[in-house]
Amino acid sequence: MQSILAFIKNHKFIVLITLLGPLLYNTWLYYDYRQKLAAQREVNAYLETEIFETKRWLEPIKDLDRLKAELLARMEISQGLTGPNRKKFQLLVLLSALPEGISLQVLKMQEAEVNISGTATSTAPLEQLVDTINKTSICESGKVYPKPGKKPGSFSINCFFGYGYYDEF
């Protein structure tokens, strides 16, 4: 025991550092990590606000993805309808906007030939319909003309699809 006391008296500094060193080191770690923890909490708060802002900006993008999927589905449907029958589809679209005074009664499509029958209140709307058909590339250009029907004001038009009928655009 005396040797321990003699060692402590002779080496007070070493004993003091040995006993107080861990306490001083732990105190330094506490304040250092407290400072680092505060800085990390600031960074975390900043990142949380940025994540919130990003999520807010992503909402319209999710709606755009949904809208894109809907439009692609519509496009697939229209391509399925118009693919091999593109000219027939174009003719139906053209005939959906008839001039005033024209009423269609029969629309018959067989392979590359279309027969349209109807009535016209006068020759002006009938000429407008024929001009519209001739201006498109649906039928053979300039070969569309109306034939008078048996009843007054009735007509029939024969239309032959051009050479590009079987080509896909």
N, C-alpha and C. Protein backbone atom coordinates (compact mmCIF):
# COMPACT_ATOMS: atom_id res chain seq x y z
N MET A 1 0.81 -1.17 0.00
CA MET A 1 0.00 0.00 0.00
C MET A 1 0.87 1.26 0.00
N GLN A 2 1.98 1.19 0.76
CA GLN A 2 2.86 2.35 0.79
C GLN A 2 3.49 2.60 -0.57
N SER A 3 3.73 1.55 -1.26
CA SER A 3 4.32 1.74 -2.58
C SER A 3 3.32 2.42 -3.53
N ILE A 4 2.05 2.14 -3.35
CA ILE A 4 1.03 2.79 -4.20
C ILE A 4 0.96 4.26 -3.82
N LEU A 5 0.98 4.54 -2.52
CA LEU A 5 0.91 5.94 -2.08
C LEU A 5 2.17 6.70 -2.49
N ALA A 6 3.30 6.04 -2.41
CA ALA A 6 4.55 6.67 -2.83
C ALA A 6 4.51 6.95 -4.33
N PHE A 7 3.95 6.02 -5.11
CA PHE A 7 3.85 6.23 -6.56
C PHE A 7 2.93 7.40 -6.86
N ILE A 8 1.82 7.51 -6.12
CA ILE A 8 0.87 8.60 -6.34
C ILE A 8 1.54 9.93 -6.01
N LYS A 9 2.32 10.00 -4.91
CA LYS A 9 3.00 11.25 -4.53
C LYS A 9 4.03 11.63 -5.57
N ASN A 10 4.76 10.68 -6.09
CA ASN A 10 5.81 10.97 -7.05
C ASN A 10 5.26 11.26 -8.45
N HIS A 11 4.19 10.67 -8.79
CA HIS A 11 3.66 10.83 -10.15
C HIS A 11 2.21 11.34 -10.11
N LYS A 12 2.01 12.45 -9.48
CA LYS A 12 0.67 13.04 -9.34
C LYS A 12 0.05 13.36 -10.71
N PHE A 13 0.85 13.84 -11.61
CA PHE A 13 0.34 14.24 -12.92
C PHE A 13 -0.19 13.03 -13.71
N ILE A 14 0.56 11.93 -13.68
CA ILE A 14 0.14 10.72 -14.40
C ILE A 14 -1.13 10.15 -13.78
N VAL A 15 -1.18 10.13 -12.47
CA VAL A 15 -2.38 9.61 -11.79
C VAL A 15 -3.57 10.51 -12.10
N LEU A 16 -3.35 11.82 -12.04
CA LEU A 16 -4.44 12.75 -12.33
C LEU A 16 -4.96 12.58 -13.76
N ILE A 17 -4.08 12.43 -14.72
CA ILE A 17 -4.49 12.23 -16.11
C ILE A 17 -5.20 10.88 -16.27
N THR A 18 -4.72 9.86 -15.58
CA THR A 18 -5.32 8.53 -15.67
C THR A 18 -6.73 8.55 -15.11
N LEU A 19 -6.93 9.24 -14.03
CA LEU A 19 -8.27 9.27 -13.42
C LEU A 19 -9.20 10.26 -14.11
N LEU A 20 -8.70 11.42 -14.46
CA LEU A 20 -9.56 12.45 -15.05
C LEU A 20 -9.62 12.40 -16.58
N GLY A 21 -8.72 11.69 -17.22
CA GLY A 21 -8.68 11.62 -18.68
C GLY A 21 -9.99 11.13 -19.31
N PRO A 22 -10.50 9.98 -18.84
CA PRO A 22 -11.76 9.52 -19.41
C PRO A 22 -12.91 10.49 -19.18
N LEU A 23 -12.93 11.13 -18.01
CA LEU A 23 -13.98 12.10 -17.74
C LEU A 23 -13.88 13.30 -18.68
N LEU A 24 -12.65 13.80 -18.86
CA LEU A 24 -12.47 14.92 -19.79
C LEU A 24 -12.79 14.52 -21.24
N TYR A 25 -12.39 13.31 -21.60
CA TYR A 25 -12.66 12.84 -22.98
C TYR A 25 -14.17 12.69 -23.21
N ASN A 26 -14.87 12.12 -22.24
CA ASN A 26 -16.33 11.97 -22.38
C ASN A 26 -17.03 13.32 -22.43
N THR A 27 -16.53 14.27 -21.66
CA THR A 27 -17.11 15.61 -21.69
C THR A 27 -16.89 16.25 -23.07
N TRP A 28 -15.70 16.10 -23.58
CA TRP A 28 -15.42 16.64 -24.92
C TRP A 28 -16.29 15.97 -25.97
N LEU A 29 -16.44 14.62 -25.90
CA LEU A 29 -17.31 13.92 -26.85
C LEU A 29 -18.76 14.39 -26.74
N TYR A 30 -19.24 14.60 -25.53
CA TYR A 30 -20.62 15.04 -25.33
C TYR A 30 -20.88 16.36 -26.04
N TYR A 31 -20.00 17.34 -25.82
CA TYR A 31 -20.22 18.65 -26.44
C TYR A 31 -19.97 18.61 -27.95
N ASP A 32 -19.02 17.82 -28.38
CA ASP A 32 -18.75 17.69 -29.82
C ASP A 32 -19.92 17.04 -30.53
N TYR A 33 -20.42 15.94 -29.99
CA TYR A 33 -21.54 15.24 -30.63
C TYR A 33 -22.83 16.02 -30.51
N ARG A 34 -22.98 16.78 -29.42
CA ARG A 34 -24.17 17.63 -29.30
C ARG A 34 -24.19 18.66 -30.42
N GLN A 35 -23.02 19.21 -30.71
CA GLN A 35 -22.91 20.18 -31.80
C GLN A 35 -23.17 19.51 -33.15
N LYS A 36 -22.60 18.33 -33.35
CA LYS A 36 -22.83 17.61 -34.60
C LYS A 36 -24.29 17.18 -34.73
N LEU A 37 -24.91 16.79 -33.63
CA LEU A 37 -26.31 16.39 -33.65
C LEU A 37 -27.21 17.57 -34.02
N ALA A 38 -26.92 18.75 -33.51
CA ALA A 38 -27.70 19.94 -33.85
C ALA A 38 -27.55 20.25 -35.34
N ALA A 39 -26.33 20.14 -35.87
CA ALA A 39 -26.11 20.39 -37.30
C ALA A 39 -26.85 19.35 -38.13
N GLN A 40 -26.84 18.09 -37.70
CA GLN A 40 -27.53 17.04 -38.46
C GLN A 40 -29.04 17.26 -38.43
N ARG A 41 -29.55 17.73 -37.29
CA ARG A 41 -31.00 18.01 -37.21
C ARG A 41 -31.38 19.15 -38.16
N GLU A 42 -30.53 20.14 -38.30
CA GLU A 42 -30.79 21.22 -39.27
C GLU A 42 -30.82 20.67 -40.69
N VAL A 43 -29.86 19.80 -41.00
CA VAL A 43 -29.82 19.20 -42.34
C VAL A 43 -31.07 18.35 -42.56
N ASN A 44 -31.48 17.58 -41.55
CA ASN A 44 -32.68 16.75 -41.68
C ASN A 44 -33.93 17.59 -41.89
N ALA A 45 -34.04 18.70 -41.18
CA ALA A 45 -35.20 19.59 -41.35
C ALA A 45 -35.22 20.16 -42.77
N TYR A 46 -34.05 20.57 -43.26
CA TYR A 46 -33.96 21.09 -44.63
C TYR A 46 -34.37 20.02 -45.63
N LEU A 47 -33.87 18.79 -45.46
CA LEU A 47 -34.21 17.71 -46.38
C LEU A 47 -35.69 17.36 -46.33
N GLU A 48 -36.29 17.41 -45.15
CA GLU A 48 -37.72 17.15 -45.04
C GLU A 48 -38.54 18.19 -45.80
N THR A 49 -38.16 19.46 -45.72
CA THR A 49 -38.89 20.49 -46.48
C THR A 49 -38.69 20.29 -47.98
N GLU A 50 -37.48 19.90 -48.38
CA GLU A 50 -37.24 19.65 -49.81
C GLU A 50 -38.02 18.43 -50.30
N ILE A 51 -38.11 17.40 -49.48
CA ILE A 51 -38.89 16.20 -49.84
C ILE A 51 -40.36 16.58 -49.98
N PHE A 52 -40.87 17.40 -49.07
CA PHE A 52 -42.25 17.85 -49.14
C PHE A 52 -42.50 18.63 -50.43
N GLU A 53 -41.59 19.54 -50.76
CA GLU A 53 -41.72 20.32 -52.01
C GLU A 53 -41.67 19.40 -53.23
N THR A 54 -40.79 18.42 -53.20
CA THR A 54 -40.67 17.49 -54.34
C THR A 54 -41.94 16.68 -54.50
N LYS A 55 -42.49 16.20 -53.39
CA LYS A 55 -43.74 15.44 -53.47
C LYS A 55 -44.87 16.31 -54.00
N ARG A 56 -44.86 17.59 -53.62
CA ARG A 56 -45.88 18.52 -54.12
C ARG A 56 -45.76 18.70 -55.64
N TRP A 57 -44.52 18.71 -56.14
CA TRP A 57 -44.31 18.86 -57.58
C TRP A 57 -44.59 17.57 -58.33
N LEU A 58 -44.50 16.44 -57.66
CA LEU A 58 -44.72 15.15 -58.33
C LEU A 58 -46.20 14.86 -58.57
N GLU A 59 -47.09 15.47 -57.79
CA GLU A 59 -48.53 15.22 -57.96
C GLU A 59 -49.01 15.51 -59.39
N PRO A 60 -48.70 16.70 -59.96
CA PRO A 60 -49.14 16.93 -61.34
C PRO A 60 -48.49 15.97 -62.34
N ILE A 61 -47.27 15.54 -62.04
CA ILE A 61 -46.60 14.61 -62.95
C ILE A 61 -47.31 13.27 -62.94
N LYS A 62 -47.79 12.84 -61.78
CA LYS A 62 -48.56 11.60 -61.70
C LYS A 62 -49.83 11.71 -62.53
N ASP A 63 -50.48 12.89 -62.47
CA ASP A 63 -51.67 13.12 -63.30
C ASP A 63 -51.31 13.08 -64.78
N LEU A 64 -50.13 13.62 -65.13
CA LEU A 64 -49.70 13.59 -66.53
C LEU A 64 -49.44 12.15 -66.98
N ASP A 65 -48.87 11.34 -66.11
CA ASP A 65 -48.65 9.94 -66.46
C ASP A 65 -49.98 9.23 -66.72
N ARG A 66 -50.98 9.51 -65.88
CA ARG A 66 -52.31 8.91 -66.07
C ARG A 66 -52.92 9.39 -67.39
N LEU A 67 -52.80 10.70 -67.65
CA LEU A 67 -53.34 11.26 -68.89
C LEU A 67 -52.62 10.67 -70.10
N LYS A 68 -51.30 10.51 -70.00
CA LYS A 68 -50.53 9.92 -71.10
C LYS A 68 -51.00 8.50 -71.37
N ALA A 69 -51.22 7.73 -70.31
CA ALA A 69 -51.69 6.36 -70.48
C ALA A 69 -53.07 6.33 -71.15
N GLU A 70 -53.95 7.24 -70.76
CA GLU A 70 -55.28 7.31 -71.39
C GLU A 70 -55.17 7.68 -72.87
N LEU A 71 -54.32 8.66 -73.18
CA LEU A 71 -54.16 9.07 -74.57
C LEU A 71 -53.53 7.97 -75.42
N LEU A 72 -52.58 7.25 -74.86
CA LEU A 72 -51.98 6.13 -75.60
C LEU A 72 -53.01 5.03 -75.85
N ALA A 73 -53.88 4.79 -74.88
CA ALA A 73 -54.94 3.79 -75.08
C ALA A 73 -55.89 4.24 -76.18
N ARG A 74 -56.24 5.52 -76.19
CA ARG A 74 -57.11 6.04 -77.26
C ARG A 74 -56.42 5.93 -78.62
N MET A 75 -55.12 6.24 -78.65
CA MET A 75 -54.38 6.16 -79.91
C MET A 75 -54.35 4.73 -80.43
N GLU A 76 -54.16 3.76 -79.54
CA GLU A 76 -54.15 2.36 -79.95
C GLU A 76 -55.51 1.96 -80.53
N ILE A 77 -56.57 2.45 -79.90
CA ILE A 77 -57.92 2.14 -80.40
C ILE A 77 -58.12 2.75 -81.78
N SER A 78 -57.74 4.02 -81.93
CA SER A 78 -57.93 4.67 -83.24
C SER A 78 -57.05 4.03 -84.31
N GLN A 79 -55.83 3.62 -83.94
CA GLN A 79 -54.98 2.95 -84.92
C GLN A 79 -55.54 1.58 -85.27
N GLY A 80 -56.14 0.92 -84.29
CA GLY A 80 -56.77 -0.37 -84.58
C GLY A 80 -57.95 -0.21 -85.52
N LEU A 81 -58.67 0.90 -85.36
CA LEU A 81 -59.81 1.15 -86.25
C LEU A 81 -59.36 1.58 -87.64
N THR A 82 -58.32 2.38 -87.69
CA THR A 82 -57.95 2.97 -88.97
C THR A 82 -56.85 2.24 -89.70
N GLY A 83 -56.15 1.35 -89.04
CA GLY A 83 -54.99 0.69 -89.64
C GLY A 83 -55.20 0.25 -91.07
N PRO A 84 -55.74 -0.94 -91.31
CA PRO A 84 -55.89 -1.41 -92.67
C PRO A 84 -57.03 -0.72 -93.43
N ASN A 85 -57.96 -0.09 -92.73
CA ASN A 85 -59.11 0.55 -93.37
C ASN A 85 -59.02 2.07 -93.27
N ARG A 86 -57.85 2.60 -93.40
CA ARG A 86 -57.63 4.03 -93.19
C ARG A 86 -58.47 4.90 -94.13
N LYS A 87 -58.50 4.55 -95.39
CA LYS A 87 -59.25 5.38 -96.34
C LYS A 87 -60.75 5.30 -96.06
N LYS A 88 -61.23 4.13 -95.69
CA LYS A 88 -62.64 4.00 -95.34
C LYS A 88 -62.97 4.86 -94.12
N PHE A 89 -62.09 4.83 -93.16
CA PHE A 89 -62.29 5.64 -91.96
C PHE A 89 -62.28 7.12 -92.31
N GLN A 90 -61.34 7.55 -93.16
CA GLN A 90 -61.28 8.95 -93.58
C GLN A 90 -62.57 9.35 -94.31
N LEU A 91 -63.09 8.45 -95.12
CA LEU A 91 -64.34 8.73 -95.82
C LEU A 91 -65.49 8.89 -94.84
N LEU A 92 -65.55 8.05 -93.82
CA LEU A 92 -66.60 8.17 -92.82
C LEU A 92 -66.47 9.49 -92.05
N VAL A 93 -65.26 9.89 -91.75
CA VAL A 93 -65.06 11.17 -91.07
C VAL A 93 -65.50 12.31 -91.97
N LEU A 94 -65.17 12.22 -93.25
CA LEU A 94 -65.57 13.25 -94.21
C LEU A 94 -67.10 13.33 -94.31
N LEU A 95 -67.74 12.18 -94.34
CA LEU A 95 -69.20 12.16 -94.48
C LEU A 95 -69.92 12.52 -93.18
N SER A 96 -69.21 12.52 -92.07
CA SER A 96 -69.86 12.90 -90.81
C SER A 96 -70.16 14.40 -90.78
N ALA A 97 -69.50 15.18 -91.62
CA ALA A 97 -69.74 16.63 -91.69
C ALA A 97 -70.32 16.96 -93.06
N LEU A 98 -71.51 16.48 -93.30
CA LEU A 98 -72.17 16.73 -94.59
C LEU A 98 -72.61 18.18 -94.71
N PRO A 99 -72.62 18.70 -95.92
CA PRO A 99 -73.16 20.06 -96.12
C PRO A 99 -74.67 20.07 -95.80
N GLU A 100 -75.12 21.23 -95.37
CA GLU A 100 -76.55 21.36 -95.06
C GLU A 100 -77.36 21.18 -96.33
N GLY A 101 -78.40 20.38 -96.27
CA GLY A 101 -79.24 20.11 -97.43
C GLY A 101 -78.98 18.73 -98.02
N ILE A 102 -78.05 17.98 -97.47
CA ILE A 102 -77.75 16.62 -97.94
C ILE A 102 -78.15 15.65 -96.84
N SER A 103 -78.87 14.61 -97.21
CA SER A 103 -79.14 13.53 -96.26
C SER A 103 -78.79 12.21 -96.94
N LEU A 104 -77.99 11.43 -96.24
CA LEU A 104 -77.56 10.14 -96.79
C LEU A 104 -78.58 9.08 -96.42
N GLN A 105 -78.83 8.18 -97.36
CA GLN A 105 -79.76 7.09 -97.10
C GLN A 105 -79.04 5.75 -97.12
N VAL A 106 -78.04 5.59 -98.00
CA VAL A 106 -77.32 4.33 -98.11
C VAL A 106 -75.83 4.63 -98.24
N LEU A 107 -75.03 3.92 -97.48
CA LEU A 107 -73.57 3.98 -97.60
C LEU A 107 -73.10 2.54 -97.64
N LYS A 108 -72.62 2.12 -98.78
CA LYS A 108 -72.23 0.73 -98.98
C LYS A 108 -70.76 0.68 -99.36
N MET A 109 -69.98 -0.09 -98.59
CA MET A 109 -68.54 -0.22 -98.86
C MET A 109 -68.24 -1.67 -99.18
N GLN A 110 -67.64 -1.88 -100.34
CA GLN A 110 -67.20 -3.21 -100.72
C GLN A 110 -65.81 -3.11 -101.30
N GLU A 111 -64.86 -3.75 -100.62
CA GLU A 111 -63.45 -3.74 -101.01
C GLU A 111 -62.99 -2.32 -101.32
N ALA A 112 -62.71 -2.00 -102.59
CA ALA A 112 -62.18 -0.69 -102.92
C ALA A 112 -63.23 0.23 -103.53
N GLU A 113 -64.51 -0.10 -103.36
CA GLU A 113 -65.59 0.70 -103.95
C GLU A 113 -66.57 1.12 -102.86
N VAL A 114 -67.02 2.38 -102.98
CA VAL A 114 -68.01 2.91 -102.05
C VAL A 114 -69.16 3.46 -102.86
N ASN A 115 -70.39 3.11 -102.46
CA ASN A 115 -71.60 3.63 -103.09
C ASN A 115 -72.34 4.47 -102.06
N ILE A 116 -72.58 5.73 -102.40
CA ILE A 116 -73.28 6.65 -101.50
C ILE A 116 -74.57 7.06 -102.20
N SER A 117 -75.67 6.91 -101.49
CA SER A 117 -76.97 7.33 -102.04
C SER A 117 -77.65 8.22 -101.02
N GLY A 118 -78.38 9.23 -101.53
CA GLY A 118 -79.08 10.13 -100.64
C GLY A 118 -79.92 11.11 -101.41
N THR A 119 -80.34 12.14 -100.71
CA THR A 119 -81.14 13.19 -101.34
C THR A 119 -80.50 14.54 -101.04
N ALA A 120 -80.73 15.47 -101.98
CA ALA A 120 -80.22 16.82 -101.83
C ALA A 120 -81.35 17.79 -102.07
N THR A 121 -81.39 18.87 -101.29
CA THR A 121 -82.45 19.87 -101.46
C THR A 121 -82.23 20.71 -102.71
N SER A 122 -80.94 20.84 -103.10
CA SER A 122 -80.63 21.57 -104.33
C SER A 122 -79.28 21.06 -104.84
N THR A 123 -78.85 21.62 -105.97
CA THR A 123 -77.58 21.15 -106.54
C THR A 123 -76.36 21.73 -105.82
N ALA A 124 -76.51 22.88 -105.15
CA ALA A 124 -75.37 23.52 -104.49
C ALA A 124 -74.75 22.63 -103.40
N PRO A 125 -75.54 22.09 -102.46
CA PRO A 125 -74.91 21.23 -101.46
C PRO A 125 -74.33 19.95 -102.05
N LEU A 126 -74.96 19.44 -103.12
CA LEU A 126 -74.45 18.24 -103.77
C LEU A 126 -73.11 18.52 -104.44
N GLU A 127 -73.00 19.67 -105.10
CA GLU A 127 -71.72 20.06 -105.72
C GLU A 127 -70.64 20.28 -104.65
N GLN A 128 -71.04 20.84 -103.53
CA GLN A 128 -70.09 21.05 -102.43
C GLN A 128 -69.58 19.72 -101.90
N LEU A 129 -70.47 18.73 -101.76
CA LEU A 129 -70.07 17.40 -101.29
C LEU A 129 -69.11 16.74 -102.28
N VAL A 130 -69.43 16.82 -103.57
CA VAL A 130 -68.59 16.21 -104.60
C VAL A 130 -67.23 16.90 -104.64
N ASP A 131 -67.21 18.23 -104.55
CA ASP A 131 -65.94 18.96 -104.53
C ASP A 131 -65.08 18.56 -103.33
N THR A 132 -65.71 18.41 -102.18
CA THR A 132 -64.98 18.01 -100.97
C THR A 132 -64.37 16.63 -101.15
N ILE A 133 -65.14 15.70 -101.70
CA ILE A 133 -64.62 14.34 -101.92
C ILE A 133 -63.50 14.36 -102.94
N ASN A 134 -63.65 15.15 -104.01
CA ASN A 134 -62.61 15.21 -105.04
C ASN A 134 -61.32 15.87 -104.54
N LYS A 135 -61.44 16.79 -103.58
CA LYS A 135 -60.24 17.47 -103.06
C LYS A 135 -59.42 16.59 -102.13
N THR A 136 -60.04 15.57 -101.59
CA THR A 136 -59.30 14.67 -100.70
C THR A 136 -58.59 13.61 -101.54
N SER A 137 -57.71 12.87 -100.89
CA SER A 137 -57.01 11.79 -101.59
C SER A 137 -57.66 10.45 -101.31
N ILE A 138 -58.89 10.49 -100.85
CA ILE A 138 -59.57 9.25 -100.49
C ILE A 138 -59.95 8.47 -101.75
N CYS A 139 -60.62 9.13 -102.65
CA CYS A 139 -61.05 8.48 -103.89
C CYS A 139 -60.13 8.89 -105.03
N GLU A 140 -60.23 8.17 -106.11
CA GLU A 140 -59.44 8.54 -107.29
C GLU A 140 -59.84 9.95 -107.70
N SER A 141 -58.85 10.81 -107.78
CA SER A 141 -59.08 12.24 -107.97
C SER A 141 -59.82 12.53 -109.27
N GLY A 142 -60.87 13.35 -109.16
CA GLY A 142 -61.61 13.81 -110.33
C GLY A 142 -62.57 12.79 -110.90
N LYS A 143 -62.64 11.60 -110.32
CA LYS A 143 -63.51 10.57 -110.88
C LYS A 143 -64.81 10.43 -110.10
N VAL A 144 -65.05 11.33 -109.18
CA VAL A 144 -66.28 11.28 -108.40
C VAL A 144 -67.27 12.25 -109.01
N TYR A 145 -68.43 11.74 -109.37
CA TYR A 145 -69.49 12.59 -109.88
C TYR A 145 -70.82 11.95 -109.51
N PRO A 146 -71.85 12.78 -109.24
CA PRO A 146 -73.13 12.23 -108.83
C PRO A 146 -73.95 11.77 -110.03
N LYS A 147 -74.72 10.74 -109.79
CA LYS A 147 -75.69 10.27 -110.80
C LYS A 147 -77.08 10.54 -110.23
N PRO A 148 -77.98 11.07 -111.06
CA PRO A 148 -79.33 11.34 -110.56
C PRO A 148 -80.07 10.03 -110.26
N GLY A 149 -80.88 10.09 -109.22
CA GLY A 149 -81.68 8.93 -108.84
C GLY A 149 -83.05 8.97 -109.49
N LYS A 150 -83.90 8.00 -109.12
CA LYS A 150 -85.24 7.91 -109.69
C LYS A 150 -86.20 8.93 -109.09
N LYS A 151 -86.01 9.28 -107.82
CA LYS A 151 -86.89 10.26 -107.17
C LYS A 151 -86.29 11.65 -107.33
N PRO A 152 -87.08 12.71 -107.29
CA PRO A 152 -86.55 14.07 -107.40
C PRO A 152 -85.61 14.38 -106.23
N GLY A 153 -84.45 14.90 -106.54
CA GLY A 153 -83.46 15.29 -105.53
C GLY A 153 -82.57 14.14 -105.08
N SER A 154 -82.87 12.92 -105.54
CA SER A 154 -82.03 11.80 -105.10
C SER A 154 -80.79 11.69 -106.00
N PHE A 155 -79.75 11.10 -105.43
CA PHE A 155 -78.50 10.96 -106.17
C PHE A 155 -77.78 9.71 -105.68
N SER A 156 -76.79 9.30 -106.46
CA SER A 156 -75.88 8.24 -106.01
C SER A 156 -74.48 8.59 -106.51
N ILE A 157 -73.50 8.25 -105.70
CA ILE A 157 -72.10 8.53 -106.02
C ILE A 157 -71.34 7.23 -105.87
N ASN A 158 -70.56 6.88 -106.89
CA ASN A 158 -69.65 5.74 -106.80
C ASN A 158 -68.24 6.29 -106.65
N CYS A 159 -67.53 5.74 -105.70
CA CYS A 159 -66.18 6.21 -105.40
C CYS A 159 -65.27 5.00 -105.34
N PHE A 160 -64.16 5.07 -106.05
CA PHE A 160 -63.16 4.01 -106.01
C PHE A 160 -61.93 4.53 -105.30
N PHE A 161 -61.47 3.77 -104.32
CA PHE A 161 -60.28 4.18 -103.60
C PHE A 161 -59.10 4.17 -104.54
N GLY A 162 -58.17 5.12 -104.31
CA GLY A 162 -56.99 5.23 -105.16
C GLY A 162 -56.02 4.07 -104.94
N TYR A 163 -54.88 4.14 -105.60
CA TYR A 163 -53.89 3.06 -105.53
C TYR A 163 -53.31 2.88 -104.14
N GLY A 164 -53.29 3.93 -103.33
CA GLY A 164 -52.70 3.85 -102.00
C GLY A 164 -53.61 3.21 -100.98
N TYR A 165 -54.72 2.59 -101.43
CA TYR A 165 -55.71 2.04 -100.52
C TYR A 165 -55.12 0.98 -99.61
N TYR A 166 -54.31 0.12 -100.14
CA TYR A 166 -53.80 -0.98 -99.33
C TYR A 166 -52.49 -0.62 -98.62
N ASP A 167 -51.95 0.55 -98.90
CA ASP A 167 -50.73 0.99 -98.24
C ASP A 167 -51.06 1.51 -96.86
N GLU A 168 -50.18 1.26 -95.90
CA GLU A 168 -50.32 1.86 -94.59
C GLU A 168 -49.54 3.15 -94.58
N PHE A 169 -50.09 4.19 -94.02
CA PHE A 169 -49.44 5.50 -94.02
C PHE A 169 -48.44 5.53 -92.91
